Amino acid sequence: MPRMMLRQMKRGQSGVIAAVKVGGELGRRIRDMGLVPGTQITVQGRAPLYDPVALRVLDSTLTLRNNEADHIEVDVS
């Protein structure tokens, strides 16, 4: 499976989170949202200027800013 950062994924692409590459408060917030290694995600859409990105995660939809998505590595299927 190819691996890329979440920010680079296109609408409709799916994958499994491989790593969250940030610590501290931001890393904790990302993990608290359920974005942990092994979690299946799908990019549902992006705002007109491509920030933020809407994700389908664990039967929920959440949004991330690109500066947050830069720290999440995904194995794309």
N, C-alpha and C. Protein backbone atom coordinates (compact mmCIF):
# COMPACT_ATOMS: atom_id res chain seq x y z
N MET A 1 0.83 -1.19 0.00
CA MET A 1 0.00 0.00 0.00
C MET A 1 0.88 1.26 0.00
N PRO A 2 0.54 2.23 -0.84
CA PRO A 2 1.29 3.48 -0.78
C PRO A 2 0.97 4.25 0.51
N ARG A 3 1.95 4.97 0.99
CA ARG A 3 1.78 5.74 2.22
C ARG A 3 1.94 7.22 1.89
N MET A 4 1.04 8.05 2.43
CA MET A 4 1.12 9.49 2.21
C MET A 4 0.57 10.22 3.42
N MET A 5 0.82 11.50 3.46
CA MET A 5 0.28 12.32 4.53
C MET A 5 -1.18 12.62 4.21
N LEU A 6 -1.99 12.73 5.23
CA LEU A 6 -3.43 12.95 5.07
C LEU A 6 -3.73 14.19 4.22
N ARG A 7 -2.94 15.22 4.36
CA ARG A 7 -3.17 16.45 3.59
C ARG A 7 -3.13 16.20 2.08
N GLN A 8 -2.37 15.21 1.62
CA GLN A 8 -2.21 14.93 0.20
C GLN A 8 -3.33 14.07 -0.38
N MET A 9 -4.17 13.51 0.46
CA MET A 9 -5.24 12.62 -0.03
C MET A 9 -6.32 13.42 -0.75
N LYS A 10 -6.91 12.79 -1.75
CA LYS A 10 -7.97 13.41 -2.54
C LYS A 10 -9.34 12.98 -2.03
N ARG A 11 -10.35 13.73 -2.44
CA ARG A 11 -11.72 13.39 -2.07
C ARG A 11 -12.06 11.99 -2.53
N GLY A 12 -12.66 11.19 -1.63
CA GLY A 12 -13.06 9.84 -1.95
C GLY A 12 -12.00 8.79 -1.63
N GLN A 13 -10.76 9.19 -1.39
CA GLN A 13 -9.72 8.23 -1.05
C GLN A 13 -9.92 7.72 0.38
N SER A 14 -9.57 6.45 0.56
CA SER A 14 -9.66 5.82 1.88
C SER A 14 -8.31 5.25 2.25
N GLY A 15 -8.15 5.00 3.53
CA GLY A 15 -6.93 4.39 4.00
C GLY A 15 -6.99 4.11 5.49
N VAL A 16 -5.87 3.63 6.00
CA VAL A 16 -5.75 3.30 7.41
C VAL A 16 -4.62 4.16 7.97
N ILE A 17 -4.87 4.80 9.09
CA ILE A 17 -3.84 5.63 9.71
C ILE A 17 -2.67 4.75 10.12
N ALA A 18 -1.48 5.13 9.66
CA ALA A 18 -0.27 4.39 9.97
C ALA A 18 0.46 5.00 11.16
N ALA A 19 0.46 6.33 11.26
CA ALA A 19 1.18 6.98 12.35
C ALA A 19 0.67 8.41 12.53
N VAL A 20 0.74 8.88 13.77
CA VAL A 20 0.50 10.28 14.10
C VAL A 20 1.86 10.81 14.54
N LYS A 21 2.43 11.68 13.72
CA LYS A 21 3.82 12.10 13.90
C LYS A 21 3.94 13.47 14.57
N VAL A 22 3.25 13.62 15.69
CA VAL A 22 3.36 14.85 16.48
C VAL A 22 3.05 14.49 17.92
N GLY A 23 3.71 15.17 18.82
CA GLY A 23 3.46 14.93 20.24
C GLY A 23 2.81 16.15 20.86
N GLY A 24 2.91 16.24 22.15
CA GLY A 24 2.40 17.40 22.87
C GLY A 24 0.89 17.53 22.79
N GLU A 25 0.43 18.76 22.96
CA GLU A 25 -1.01 19.06 22.99
C GLU A 25 -1.69 18.72 21.67
N LEU A 26 -1.07 19.06 20.55
CA LEU A 26 -1.67 18.77 19.25
C LEU A 26 -1.80 17.26 19.03
N GLY A 27 -0.77 16.51 19.35
CA GLY A 27 -0.83 15.05 19.22
C GLY A 27 -1.93 14.45 20.08
N ARG A 28 -2.07 14.96 21.30
CA ARG A 28 -3.12 14.47 22.19
C ARG A 28 -4.50 14.78 21.62
N ARG A 29 -4.70 16.00 21.10
CA ARG A 29 -6.00 16.37 20.53
C ARG A 29 -6.35 15.50 19.33
N ILE A 30 -5.37 15.24 18.47
CA ILE A 30 -5.61 14.40 17.30
C ILE A 30 -6.02 13.00 17.74
N ARG A 31 -5.30 12.43 18.70
CA ARG A 31 -5.63 11.08 19.18
C ARG A 31 -6.98 11.05 19.90
N ASP A 32 -7.32 12.12 20.63
CA ASP A 32 -8.61 12.19 21.31
C ASP A 32 -9.78 12.18 20.34
N MET A 33 -9.55 12.64 19.11
CA MET A 33 -10.61 12.62 18.08
C MET A 33 -10.80 11.23 17.48
N GLY A 34 -9.98 10.27 17.89
CA GLY A 34 -10.09 8.91 17.36
C GLY A 34 -9.15 8.63 16.22
N LEU A 35 -8.26 9.57 15.93
CA LEU A 35 -7.31 9.40 14.83
C LEU A 35 -6.04 8.75 15.37
N VAL A 36 -6.10 7.44 15.52
CA VAL A 36 -4.99 6.65 16.04
C VAL A 36 -4.60 5.60 15.01
N PRO A 37 -3.35 5.11 15.07
CA PRO A 37 -2.93 4.08 14.11
C PRO A 37 -3.89 2.90 14.09
N GLY A 38 -4.21 2.45 12.87
CA GLY A 38 -5.14 1.33 12.68
C GLY A 38 -6.57 1.75 12.38
N THR A 39 -6.86 3.04 12.47
CA THR A 39 -8.22 3.55 12.23
C THR A 39 -8.45 3.78 10.74
N GLN A 40 -9.56 3.28 10.22
CA GLN A 40 -9.96 3.46 8.82
C GLN A 40 -10.54 4.87 8.66
N ILE A 41 -10.10 5.60 7.62
CA ILE A 41 -10.63 6.93 7.33
C ILE A 41 -10.96 7.06 5.85
N THR A 42 -11.87 7.97 5.53
CA THR A 42 -12.20 8.31 4.15
C THR A 42 -12.31 9.82 4.06
N VAL A 43 -11.68 10.41 3.04
CA VAL A 43 -11.78 11.85 2.83
C VAL A 43 -13.12 12.12 2.15
N GLN A 44 -13.98 12.87 2.83
CA GLN A 44 -15.31 13.16 2.28
C GLN A 44 -15.34 14.41 1.45
N GLY A 45 -14.50 15.36 1.76
CA GLY A 45 -14.50 16.59 0.98
C GLY A 45 -13.53 17.60 1.54
N ARG A 46 -13.42 18.71 0.81
CA ARG A 46 -12.56 19.81 1.23
C ARG A 46 -13.30 21.12 1.01
N ALA A 47 -12.93 22.11 1.79
CA ALA A 47 -13.49 23.45 1.62
C ALA A 47 -12.98 24.03 0.29
N PRO A 48 -13.61 25.09 -0.20
CA PRO A 48 -13.20 25.66 -1.48
C PRO A 48 -11.71 26.01 -1.58
N LEU A 49 -11.08 26.43 -0.52
CA LEU A 49 -9.65 26.74 -0.55
C LEU A 49 -8.82 25.57 0.01
N TYR A 50 -9.41 24.37 0.04
CA TYR A 50 -8.77 23.12 0.46
C TYR A 50 -8.42 23.04 1.94
N ASP A 51 -8.96 23.93 2.74
CA ASP A 51 -8.71 23.88 4.17
C ASP A 51 -9.98 24.33 4.87
N PRO A 52 -10.62 23.52 5.67
CA PRO A 52 -10.21 22.23 6.20
C PRO A 52 -10.62 21.05 5.32
N VAL A 53 -10.28 19.85 5.80
CA VAL A 53 -10.65 18.61 5.13
C VAL A 53 -11.67 17.89 6.01
N ALA A 54 -12.72 17.34 5.39
CA ALA A 54 -13.74 16.58 6.11
C ALA A 54 -13.44 15.09 5.98
N LEU A 55 -13.45 14.39 7.11
CA LEU A 55 -13.12 12.97 7.16
C LEU A 55 -14.27 12.17 7.72
N ARG A 56 -14.41 10.95 7.22
CA ARG A 56 -15.34 9.98 7.80
C ARG A 56 -14.50 9.05 8.66
N VAL A 57 -14.77 9.03 9.97
CA VAL A 57 -14.00 8.25 10.93
C VAL A 57 -14.96 7.62 11.93
N LEU A 58 -14.92 6.29 12.05
CA LEU A 58 -15.72 5.60 13.06
C LEU A 58 -17.19 6.03 13.04
N ASP A 59 -17.82 6.02 11.87
CA ASP A 59 -19.22 6.40 11.69
C ASP A 59 -19.53 7.84 12.09
N SER A 60 -18.53 8.70 12.07
CA SER A 60 -18.69 10.12 12.36
C SER A 60 -17.96 10.92 11.30
N THR A 61 -18.34 12.17 11.17
CA THR A 61 -17.62 13.08 10.28
C THR A 61 -16.93 14.12 11.14
N LEU A 62 -15.66 14.36 10.85
CA LEU A 62 -14.94 15.42 11.56
C LEU A 62 -14.09 16.18 10.56
N THR A 63 -13.70 17.38 10.95
CA THR A 63 -12.87 18.20 10.07
C THR A 63 -11.54 18.48 10.74
N LEU A 64 -10.51 18.58 9.91
CA LEU A 64 -9.16 18.90 10.37
C LEU A 64 -8.60 20.01 9.50
N ARG A 65 -7.85 20.88 10.11
CA ARG A 65 -7.11 21.87 9.33
C ARG A 65 -5.92 21.18 8.69
N ASN A 66 -5.44 21.77 7.61
CA ASN A 66 -4.29 21.18 6.92
C ASN A 66 -3.05 21.09 7.80
N ASN A 67 -2.85 22.08 8.68
CA ASN A 67 -1.66 22.01 9.55
C ASN A 67 -1.77 20.85 10.54
N GLU A 68 -2.96 20.35 10.83
CA GLU A 68 -3.15 19.17 11.66
C GLU A 68 -3.00 17.90 10.80
N ALA A 69 -3.54 17.94 9.59
CA ALA A 69 -3.47 16.78 8.68
C ALA A 69 -2.03 16.48 8.24
N ASP A 70 -1.16 17.49 8.31
CA ASP A 70 0.25 17.31 7.95
C ASP A 70 0.97 16.30 8.83
N HIS A 71 0.44 16.01 10.00
CA HIS A 71 1.10 15.14 10.96
C HIS A 71 0.57 13.70 10.96
N ILE A 72 -0.38 13.40 10.07
CA ILE A 72 -1.01 12.08 10.05
C ILE A 72 -0.61 11.35 8.78
N GLU A 73 0.03 10.20 8.97
CA GLU A 73 0.48 9.38 7.85
C GLU A 73 -0.51 8.25 7.64
N VAL A 74 -0.89 8.02 6.37
CA VAL A 74 -1.96 7.07 6.04
C VAL A 74 -1.48 6.06 5.00
N ASP A 75 -1.82 4.78 5.21
CA ASP A 75 -1.64 3.76 4.19
C ASP A 75 -2.88 3.79 3.32
N VAL A 76 -2.75 4.26 2.09
CA VAL A 76 -3.89 4.46 1.20
C VAL A 76 -4.23 3.16 0.49
N SER A 77 -5.54 2.86 0.45
CA SER A 77 -6.00 1.64 -0.22
C SER A 77 -6.53 1.93 -1.60
